[in-house]
Amino acid sequence: MANLEARYRDPTAQNPSKATTSGGSGVCMMSTTWRDEQHPSFINFISSFLSANAFRLNFVPIAPDFIFNCGGLSVAFIFVTNLDSKCISPMFSRVQKLKAQFAHLYVVVVLPTKEQNELFVHSYFKYGMELGKPTFVPVEDLEMGFEKIVKIALSRGVCKRQDVITKLKAERKQSVQAMDVFLRVLTSIPGIENHDANALNQAIGSIEAIAKASKEYTLQNTDLSADKAEIISRFFRDSNFYMSPKINRSEKQVI
């Protein structure tokens, strides 16, 4: 056991600033079944590596070997640490089942020998796998395999956060554009200014709601004068009013 434990370098040495952080990057759930099949020293390495990268580790009875919750996104992993001819069929059956359950599924396979690599490639096509559905990640050793898992989880979490930020920016832009149209429509009504339009928006709402509101309702719910409330009511109800030419009183009449 001492020799096996010596294989794994101290993960906190790679990220000393994160060594005491817990849960900042997200949560890692490890299958209790998978855990019990691994050497204790490798589980210790995983625990230290996750702590060094600010992940909280939970042991739970889950179908995949790992589920990472990172940046609001769940990413599932199958981690095959000892590939041989006996586990090939169960592994691919499990992959087919889990890819239907998880939108983001990766299969990390440790292939340290040429024979294992050839067995994997042959079996991949034999069992009718589609490229990228799910993504298989071959690695040379256990340590590299788990590092790949963490990097994939982190990168997917970053992409998710960026998508959310982009969506929020787009929604804000649409909101600003909609408000601009709203102001343009209402301030086109004679005598209605930006302040009046904002008051109508806050008290009544959309242009459709303002068009349906009575003069009395507008007076009760805004600080608009009776004259302005009358103008708004006529504008949306009297076609002779809103289709008649308007004179800008700030300009002198040109003869």
C-alpha atoms as a PDB file:
ATOM      1  CA  MET A   1       0.000   0.000   0.000  1.00  0.00           C
ATOM      2  CA  ALA A   2       2.864   2.341   0.720  1.00  0.00           C
ATOM      3  CA  ASN A   3       4.115   2.056  -2.850  1.00  0.00           C
ATOM      4  CA  LEU A   4       0.654   2.748  -4.252  1.00  0.00           C
ATOM      5  CA  GLU A   5       0.184   5.757  -2.047  1.00  0.00           C
ATOM      6  CA  ALA A   6       3.500   7.146  -3.220  1.00  0.00           C
ATOM      7  CA  ARG A   7       2.206   7.287  -6.799  1.00  0.00           C
ATOM      8  CA  TYR A   8       0.016  10.282  -6.134  1.00  0.00           C
ATOM      9  CA  ARG A   9       1.603  13.697  -5.774  1.00  0.00           C
ATOM     10  CA  ASP A  10       0.192  16.205  -3.327  1.00  0.00           C
ATOM     11  CA  PRO A  11      -2.593  18.016  -5.253  1.00  0.00           C
ATOM     12  CA  THR A  12      -2.498  21.001  -2.911  1.00  0.00           C
ATOM     13  CA  ALA A  13       1.013  21.748  -4.112  1.00  0.00           C
ATOM     14  CA  GLN A  14      -0.445  22.648  -7.530  1.00  0.00           C
ATOM     15  CA  ASN A  15      -2.962  25.092  -6.074  1.00  0.00           C
ATOM     16  CA  PRO A  16      -1.650  26.242  -2.701  1.00  0.00           C
ATOM     17  CA  SER A  17      -3.968  29.247  -2.579  1.00  0.00           C
ATOM     18  CA  LYS A  18      -7.007  26.931  -2.739  1.00  0.00           C
ATOM     19  CA  ALA A  19      -5.844  24.315  -0.281  1.00  0.00           C
ATOM     20  CA  THR A  20      -8.089  25.498   2.546  1.00  0.00           C
ATOM     21  CA  THR A  21     -11.113  26.414   0.410  1.00  0.00           C
ATOM     22  CA  SER A  22     -14.200  24.179   0.421  1.00  0.00           C
ATOM     23  CA  GLY A  23     -17.200  24.256  -1.912  1.00  0.00           C
ATOM     24  CA  GLY A  24     -16.312  27.458  -3.770  1.00  0.00           C
ATOM     25  CA  SER A  25     -16.224  25.841  -7.205  1.00  0.00           C
ATOM     26  CA  GLY A  26     -19.144  23.506  -6.687  1.00  0.00           C
ATOM     27  CA  VAL A  27     -20.114  20.086  -5.381  1.00  0.00           C
ATOM     28  CA  CYS A  28     -18.786  16.673  -6.412  1.00  0.00           C
ATOM     29  CA  MET A  29     -20.959  13.644  -5.709  1.00  0.00           C
ATOM     30  CA  MET A  30     -19.134  10.314  -5.795  1.00  0.00           C
ATOM     31  CA  SER A  31     -20.920   6.983  -6.117  1.00  0.00           C
ATOM     32  CA  THR A  32     -20.536   4.889  -2.979  1.00  0.00           C
ATOM     33  CA  THR A  33     -20.388   1.759  -5.165  1.00  0.00           C
ATOM     34  CA  TRP A  34     -17.546   3.178  -7.256  1.00  0.00           C
ATOM     35  CA  ARG A  35     -15.726   4.359  -4.127  1.00  0.00           C
ATOM     36  CA  ASP A  36     -15.790   0.893  -2.577  1.00  0.00           C
ATOM     37  CA  GLU A  37     -14.191  -0.594  -5.700  1.00  0.00           C
ATOM     38  CA  GLN A  38     -11.159   1.737  -5.581  1.00  0.00           C
ATOM     39  CA  HIS A  39      -7.966   1.665  -3.554  1.00  0.00           C
ATOM     40  CA  PRO A  40      -8.243   3.871  -0.432  1.00  0.00           C
ATOM     41  CA  SER A  41      -5.145   5.841  -1.408  1.00  0.00           C
ATOM     42  CA  PHE A  42      -6.798   6.899  -4.681  1.00  0.00           C
ATOM     43  CA  ILE A  43      -9.913   8.042  -2.818  1.00  0.00           C
ATOM     44  CA  ASN A  44      -7.642  10.070  -0.542  1.00  0.00           C
ATOM     45  CA  PHE A  45      -6.010  11.644  -3.599  1.00  0.00           C
ATOM     46  CA  ILE A  46      -9.420  12.538  -5.057  1.00  0.00           C
ATOM     47  CA  SER A  47     -10.537  14.083  -1.774  1.00  0.00           C
ATOM     48  CA  SER A  48      -7.372  16.192  -1.530  1.00  0.00           C
ATOM     49  CA  PHE A  49      -7.519  17.202  -5.182  1.00  0.00           C
ATOM     50  CA  LEU A  50     -11.131  18.345  -4.875  1.00  0.00           C
ATOM     51  CA  SER A  51     -10.353  20.298  -1.720  1.00  0.00           C
ATOM     52  CA  ALA A  52      -7.421  21.975  -3.465  1.00  0.00           C
ATOM     53  CA  ASN A  53      -9.757  23.009  -6.290  1.00  0.00           C
ATOM     54  CA  ALA A  54     -12.495  24.292  -3.942  1.00  0.00           C
ATOM     55  CA  PHE A  55     -14.991  21.456  -4.452  1.00  0.00           C
ATOM     56  CA  ARG A  56     -17.068  19.878  -1.701  1.00  0.00           C
ATOM     57  CA  LEU A  57     -17.159  16.069  -1.853  1.00  0.00           C
ATOM     58  CA  ASN A  58     -20.231  14.007  -0.977  1.00  0.00           C
ATOM     59  CA  PHE A  59     -20.555  10.216  -1.086  1.00  0.00           C
ATOM     60  CA  VAL A  60     -24.000   9.206  -2.365  1.00  0.00           C
ATOM     61  CA  PRO A  61     -25.695   6.192  -4.034  1.00  0.00           C
ATOM     62  CA  ILE A  62     -25.920   7.511  -7.620  1.00  0.00           C
ATOM     63  CA  ALA A  63     -26.001   5.757 -11.014  1.00  0.00           C
ATOM     64  CA  PRO A  64     -22.989   7.539 -12.575  1.00  0.00           C
ATOM     65  CA  ASP A  65     -19.617   7.350 -10.845  1.00  0.00           C
ATOM     66  CA  PHE A  66     -19.531  11.137 -10.384  1.00  0.00           C
ATOM     67  CA  ILE A  67     -21.888  14.073 -10.726  1.00  0.00           C
ATOM     68  CA  PHE A  68     -20.433  17.580 -10.553  1.00  0.00           C
ATOM     69  CA  ASN A  69     -22.704  20.540  -9.845  1.00  0.00           C
ATOM     70  CA  CYS A  70     -20.726  23.500 -11.084  1.00  0.00           C
ATOM     71  CA  GLY A  71     -21.943  26.941 -12.158  1.00  0.00           C
ATOM     72  CA  GLY A  72     -25.572  25.814 -12.083  1.00  0.00           C
ATOM     73  CA  LEU A  73     -24.891  22.850 -14.392  1.00  0.00           C
ATOM     74  CA  SER A  74     -24.824  19.116 -13.588  1.00  0.00           C
ATOM     75  CA  VAL A  75     -22.197  17.050 -15.397  1.00  0.00           C
ATOM     76  CA  ALA A  76     -22.131  13.251 -15.001  1.00  0.00           C
ATOM     77  CA  PHE A  77     -19.112  10.978 -15.416  1.00  0.00           C
ATOM     78  CA  ILE A  78     -18.416   7.282 -15.780  1.00  0.00           C
ATOM     79  CA  PHE A  79     -14.848   6.628 -14.666  1.00  0.00           C
ATOM     80  CA  VAL A  80     -13.505   3.245 -15.825  1.00  0.00           C
ATOM     81  CA  THR A  81     -10.280   2.617 -13.919  1.00  0.00           C
ATOM     82  CA  ASN A  82      -9.556  -0.992 -14.930  1.00  0.00           C
ATOM     83  CA  LEU A  83     -10.692  -1.968 -18.410  1.00  0.00           C
ATOM     84  CA  ASP A  84     -10.721  -5.679 -19.323  1.00  0.00           C
ATOM     85  CA  SER A  85     -12.763  -8.011 -21.512  1.00  0.00           C
ATOM     86  CA  LYS A  86     -15.127  -8.885 -18.646  1.00  0.00           C
ATOM     87  CA  CYS A  87     -16.265  -5.321 -18.023  1.00  0.00           C
ATOM     88  CA  ILE A  88     -16.636  -4.241 -21.676  1.00  0.00           C
ATOM     89  CA  SER A  89     -20.250  -5.325 -22.188  1.00  0.00           C
ATOM     90  CA  PRO A  90     -21.540  -4.013 -18.820  1.00  0.00           C
ATOM     91  CA  MET A  91     -19.684  -0.730 -19.388  1.00  0.00           C
ATOM     92  CA  PHE A  92     -21.259  -0.016 -22.774  1.00  0.00           C
ATOM     93  CA  SER A  93     -24.711  -1.098 -21.560  1.00  0.00           C
ATOM     94  CA  ARG A  94     -24.344   1.346 -18.692  1.00  0.00           C
ATOM     95  CA  VAL A  95     -23.248   4.095 -21.075  1.00  0.00           C
ATOM     96  CA  GLN A  96     -26.316   3.575 -23.255  1.00  0.00           C
ATOM     97  CA  LYS A  97     -28.586   3.758 -20.220  1.00  0.00           C
ATOM     98  CA  LEU A  98     -27.020   6.821 -18.600  1.00  0.00           C
ATOM     99  CA  LYS A  99     -26.714   8.902 -21.768  1.00  0.00           C
ATOM    100  CA  ALA A 100     -30.515   8.834 -21.968  1.00  0.00           C
ATOM    101  CA  GLN A 101     -30.723  10.166 -18.404  1.00  0.00           C
ATOM    102  CA  PHE A 102     -28.045  12.855 -18.411  1.00  0.00           C
ATOM    103  CA  ALA A 103     -27.705  15.656 -20.955  1.00  0.00           C
ATOM    104  CA  HIS A 104     -24.042  16.118 -20.054  1.00  0.00           C
ATOM    105  CA  LEU A 105     -22.300  12.748 -19.733  1.00  0.00           C
ATOM    106  CA  TYR A 106     -18.613  11.925 -20.187  1.00  0.00           C
ATOM    107  CA  VAL A 107     -16.867   8.547 -20.034  1.00  0.00           C
ATOM    108  CA  VAL A 108     -13.260   8.613 -18.825  1.00  0.00           C
ATOM    109  CA  VAL A 109     -11.363   5.369 -19.480  1.00  0.00           C
ATOM    110  CA  VAL A 110      -7.877   4.571 -18.162  1.00  0.00           C
ATOM    111  CA  LEU A 111      -5.858   2.827 -20.910  1.00  0.00           C
ATOM    112  CA  PRO A 112      -2.254   2.406 -19.746  1.00  0.00           C
ATOM    113  CA  THR A 113      -1.371  -0.431 -22.149  1.00  0.00           C
ATOM    114  CA  LYS A 114      -1.495  -0.967 -25.888  1.00  0.00           C
ATOM    115  CA  GLU A 115      -3.654  -4.064 -25.423  1.00  0.00           C
ATOM    116  CA  GLN A 116      -6.265  -2.155 -23.416  1.00  0.00           C
ATOM    117  CA  ASN A 117      -6.304   0.632 -25.987  1.00  0.00           C
ATOM    118  CA  GLU A 118      -6.899  -1.851 -28.818  1.00  0.00           C
ATOM    119  CA  LEU A 119      -9.629  -3.586 -26.819  1.00  0.00           C
ATOM    120  CA  PHE A 120     -11.367  -0.277 -26.221  1.00  0.00           C
ATOM    121  CA  VAL A 121     -11.195   0.872 -29.867  1.00  0.00           C
ATOM    122  CA  HIS A 122     -12.493  -2.466 -31.145  1.00  0.00           C
ATOM    123  CA  SER A 123     -15.313  -2.548 -28.588  1.00  0.00           C
ATOM    124  CA  TYR A 124     -16.290   1.092 -29.205  1.00  0.00           C
ATOM    125  CA  PHE A 125     -17.317   0.330 -32.785  1.00  0.00           C
ATOM    126  CA  LYS A 126     -18.592  -3.163 -31.981  1.00  0.00           C
ATOM    127  CA  TYR A 127     -21.178  -1.734 -29.585  1.00  0.00           C
ATOM    128  CA  GLY A 128     -22.278   0.959 -32.061  1.00  0.00           C
ATOM    129  CA  MET A 129     -21.195   4.074 -30.198  1.00  0.00           C
ATOM    130  CA  GLU A 130     -21.742   7.442 -31.914  1.00  0.00           C
ATOM    131  CA  LEU A 131     -18.883   9.925 -31.821  1.00  0.00           C
ATOM    132  CA  GLY A 132     -19.529  12.483 -29.105  1.00  0.00           C
ATOM    133  CA  LYS A 133     -22.703  10.769 -27.859  1.00  0.00           C
ATOM    134  CA  PRO A 134     -21.403  10.634 -25.185  1.00  0.00           C
ATOM    135  CA  THR A 135     -17.811  11.850 -25.260  1.00  0.00           C
ATOM    136  CA  PHE A 136     -15.186   9.255 -24.304  1.00  0.00           C
ATOM    137  CA  VAL A 137     -11.934  10.523 -22.793  1.00  0.00           C
ATOM    138  CA  PRO A 138      -9.052   8.006 -22.857  1.00  0.00           C
ATOM    139  CA  VAL A 139      -6.238   8.667 -20.356  1.00  0.00           C
ATOM    140  CA  GLU A 140      -2.998   6.958 -19.372  1.00  0.00           C
ATOM    141  CA  ASP A 141      -3.419   6.768 -15.596  1.00  0.00           C
ATOM    142  CA  LEU A 142      -5.858   7.259 -12.733  1.00  0.00           C
ATOM    143  CA  GLU A 143      -4.513  10.609 -11.645  1.00  0.00           C
ATOM    144  CA  MET A 144      -4.701  12.069 -15.138  1.00  0.00           C
ATOM    145  CA  GLY A 145      -8.224  10.685 -15.490  1.00  0.00           C
ATOM    146  CA  PHE A 146      -9.550  12.466 -12.434  1.00  0.00           C
ATOM    147  CA  GLU A 147      -7.764  15.691 -13.329  1.00  0.00           C
ATOM    148  CA  LYS A 148      -9.526  15.537 -16.714  1.00  0.00           C
ATOM    149  CA  ILE A 149     -12.868  15.050 -14.964  1.00  0.00           C
ATOM    150  CA  VAL A 150     -12.382  18.135 -12.805  1.00  0.00           C
ATOM    151  CA  LYS A 151     -11.207  20.246 -15.764  1.00  0.00           C
ATOM    152  CA  ILE A 152     -14.239  19.221 -17.837  1.00  0.00           C
ATOM    153  CA  ALA A 153     -16.624  20.013 -14.969  1.00  0.00           C
ATOM    154  CA  LEU A 154     -15.031  23.417 -14.392  1.00  0.00           C
ATOM    155  CA  SER A 155     -15.042  24.341 -18.088  1.00  0.00           C
ATOM    156  CA  ARG A 156     -18.692  23.359 -18.500  1.00  0.00           C
ATOM    157  CA  GLY A 157     -19.578  25.399 -15.428  1.00  0.00           C
ATOM    158  CA  VAL A 158     -17.770  28.450 -16.829  1.00  0.00           C
ATOM    159  CA  CYS A 159     -19.600  28.066 -20.160  1.00  0.00           C
ATOM    160  CA  LYS A 160     -22.912  27.845 -18.326  1.00  0.00           C
ATOM    161  CA  ARG A 161     -22.217  31.030 -16.363  1.00  0.00           C
ATOM    162  CA  GLN A 162     -21.195  32.835 -19.553  1.00  0.00           C
ATOM    163  CA  ASP A 163     -24.412  31.698 -21.253  1.00  0.00           C
ATOM    164  CA  VAL A 164     -26.456  33.054 -18.345  1.00  0.00           C
ATOM    165  CA  ILE A 165     -24.615  36.385 -18.430  1.00  0.00           C
ATOM    166  CA  THR A 166     -25.084  36.632 -22.216  1.00  0.00           C
ATOM    167  CA  LYS A 167     -28.797  35.857 -21.849  1.00  0.00           C
ATOM    168  CA  LEU A 168     -29.229  38.464 -19.129  1.00  0.00           C
ATOM    169  CA  LYS A 169     -27.468  41.078 -21.280  1.00  0.00           C
ATOM    170  CA  ALA A 170     -29.710  40.220 -24.233  1.00  0.00           C
ATOM    171  CA  GLU A 171     -32.833  40.443 -22.076  1.00  0.00           C
ATOM    172  CA  ARG A 172     -31.707  43.787 -20.686  1.00  0.00           C
ATOM    173  CA  LYS A 173     -31.067  45.085 -24.209  1.00  0.00           C
ATOM    174  CA  GLN A 174     -34.532  43.963 -25.301  1.00  0.00           C
ATOM    175  CA  SER A 175     -36.048  45.606 -22.235  1.00  0.00           C
ATOM    176  CA  VAL A 176     -34.278  48.892 -22.981  1.00  0.00           C
ATOM    177  CA  GLN A 177     -35.386  48.756 -26.620  1.00  0.00           C
ATOM    178  CA  ALA A 178     -38.980  48.006 -25.593  1.00  0.00           C
ATOM    179  CA  MET A 179     -38.963  50.943 -23.173  1.00  0.00           C
ATOM    180  CA  ASP A 180     -37.572  53.195 -25.897  1.00  0.00           C
ATOM    181  CA  VAL A 181     -40.461  52.233 -28.202  1.00  0.00           C
ATOM    182  CA  PHE A 182     -42.904  52.764 -25.339  1.00  0.00           C
ATOM    183  CA  LEU A 183     -41.600  56.282 -24.707  1.00  0.00           C
ATOM    184  CA  ARG A 184     -41.612  57.141 -28.404  1.00  0.00           C
ATOM    185  CA  VAL A 185     -45.250  56.120 -28.775  1.00  0.00           C
ATOM    186  CA  LEU A 186     -46.539  57.935 -25.704  1.00  0.00           C
ATOM    187  CA  THR A 187     -44.503  61.115 -26.190  1.00  0.00           C
ATOM    188  CA  SER A 188     -45.895  61.329 -29.720  1.00  0.00           C
ATOM    189  CA  ILE A 189     -49.209  62.212 -28.058  1.00  0.00           C
ATOM    190  CA  PRO A 190     -49.517  66.032 -27.876  1.00  0.00           C
ATOM    191  CA  GLY A 191     -48.586  67.376 -24.448  1.00  0.00           C
ATOM    192  CA  ILE A 192     -47.259  64.043 -23.057  1.00  0.00           C
ATOM    193  CA  GLU A 193     -43.648  64.173 -21.870  1.00  0.00           C
ATOM    194  CA  ASN A 194     -41.156  61.529 -20.682  1.00  0.00           C
ATOM    195  CA  HIS A 195     -42.198  62.032 -17.053  1.00  0.00           C
ATOM    196  CA  ASP A 196     -45.828  61.401 -17.955  1.00  0.00           C
ATOM    197  CA  ALA A 197     -44.931  58.320 -19.985  1.00  0.00           C
ATOM    198  CA  ASN A 198     -42.874  56.872 -17.117  1.00  0.00           C
ATOM    199  CA  ALA A 199     -45.730  57.521 -14.677  1.00  0.00           C
ATOM    200  CA  LEU A 200     -48.161  55.727 -16.985  1.00  0.00           C
ATOM    201  CA  ASN A 201     -45.766  52.798 -17.363  1.00  0.00           C
ATOM    202  CA  GLN A 202     -45.335  52.373 -13.614  1.00  0.00           C
ATOM    203  CA  ALA A 203     -49.006  52.843 -12.704  1.00  0.00           C
ATOM    204  CA  ILE A 204     -50.835  51.216 -15.617  1.00  0.00           C
ATOM    205  CA  GLY A 205     -48.315  49.220 -17.624  1.00  0.00           C
ATOM    206  CA  SER A 206     -48.259  48.443 -21.322  1.00  0.00           C
ATOM    207  CA  ILE A 207     -49.482  50.620 -24.165  1.00  0.00           C
ATOM    208  CA  GLU A 208     -52.433  48.244 -24.577  1.00  0.00           C
ATOM    209  CA  ALA A 209     -53.411  48.706 -20.912  1.00  0.00           C
ATOM    210  CA  ILE A 210     -53.073  52.494 -21.191  1.00  0.00           C
ATOM    211  CA  ALA A 211     -55.239  52.488 -24.329  1.00  0.00           C
ATOM    212  CA  LYS A 212     -58.003  50.629 -22.457  1.00  0.00           C
ATOM    213  CA  ALA A 213     -57.784  52.724 -19.279  1.00  0.00           C
ATOM    214  CA  SER A 214     -60.479  55.316 -18.740  1.00  0.00           C
ATOM    215  CA  LYS A 215     -59.762  58.992 -18.044  1.00  0.00           C
ATOM    216  CA  GLU A 216     -60.940  58.502 -14.460  1.00  0.00           C
ATOM    217  CA  TYR A 217     -58.652  55.506 -13.912  1.00  0.00           C
ATOM    218  CA  THR A 218     -55.660  57.449 -15.253  1.00  0.00           C
ATOM    219  CA  LEU A 219     -56.394  60.360 -12.920  1.00  0.00           C
ATOM    220  CA  GLN A 220     -56.748  58.090  -9.888  1.00  0.00           C
ATOM    221  CA  ASN A 221     -53.485  56.209 -10.467  1.00  0.00           C
ATOM    222  CA  THR A 222     -51.104  58.863 -11.837  1.00  0.00           C
ATOM    223  CA  ASP A 223     -50.164  62.494 -11.226  1.00  0.00           C
ATOM    224  CA  LEU A 224     -51.276  63.518 -14.738  1.00  0.00           C
ATOM    225  CA  SER A 225     -53.558  66.516 -15.053  1.00  0.00           C
ATOM    226  CA  ALA A 226     -57.166  66.197 -16.155  1.00  0.00           C
ATOM    227  CA  ASP A 227     -56.298  67.726 -19.516  1.00  0.00           C
ATOM    228  CA  LYS A 228     -53.537  65.181 -20.171  1.00  0.00           C
ATOM    229  CA  ALA A 229     -55.737  62.276 -19.070  1.00  0.00           C
ATOM    230  CA  GLU A 230     -58.420  63.526 -21.473  1.00  0.00           C
ATOM    231  CA  ILE A 231     -55.896  63.809 -24.323  1.00  0.00           C
ATOM    232  CA  ILE A 232     -54.658  60.246 -23.763  1.00  0.00           C
ATOM    233  CA  SER A 233     -58.186  58.883 -23.641  1.00  0.00           C
ATOM    234  CA  ARG A 234     -59.127  60.680 -26.877  1.00  0.00           C
ATOM    235  CA  PHE A 235     -55.884  59.699 -28.601  1.00  0.00           C
ATOM    236  CA  PHE A 236     -56.621  55.972 -28.307  1.00  0.00           C
ATOM    237  CA  ARG A 237     -60.394  56.203 -28.891  1.00  0.00           C
ATOM    238  CA  ASP A 238     -61.038  59.059 -31.324  1.00  0.00           C
ATOM    239  CA  SER A 239     -59.594  58.417 -34.799  1.00  0.00           C
ATOM    240  CA  ASN A 240     -60.318  62.012 -35.804  1.00  0.00           C
ATOM    241  CA  PHE A 241     -58.067  63.126 -32.958  1.00  0.00           C
ATOM    242  CA  TYR A 242     -55.031  60.884 -33.491  1.00  0.00           C
ATOM    243  CA  MET A 243     -55.138  61.175 -37.291  1.00  0.00           C
ATOM    244  CA  SER A 244     -55.425  64.959 -37.364  1.00  0.00           C
ATOM    245  CA  PRO A 245     -52.249  66.958 -38.075  1.00  0.00           C
ATOM    246  CA  LYS A 246     -50.424  68.164 -34.965  1.00  0.00           C
ATOM    247  CA  ILE A 247     -48.781  71.572 -34.660  1.00  0.00           C
ATOM    248  CA  ASN A 248     -45.583  71.909 -32.670  1.00  0.00           C
ATOM    249  CA  ARG A 249     -46.305  74.982 -30.516  1.00  0.00           C
ATOM    250  CA  SER A 250     -42.580  75.544 -29.923  1.00  0.00           C
ATOM    251  CA  GLU A 251     -42.138  76.484 -33.561  1.00  0.00           C
ATOM    252  CA  LYS A 252     -43.375  79.700 -35.124  1.00  0.00           C
ATOM    253  CA  GLN A 253     -45.950  79.366 -37.868  1.00  0.00           C
ATOM    254  CA  VAL A 254     -44.365  79.906 -41.251  1.00  0.00           C
ATOM    255  CA  ILE A 255     -46.490  81.901 -43.677  1.00  0.00           C
END
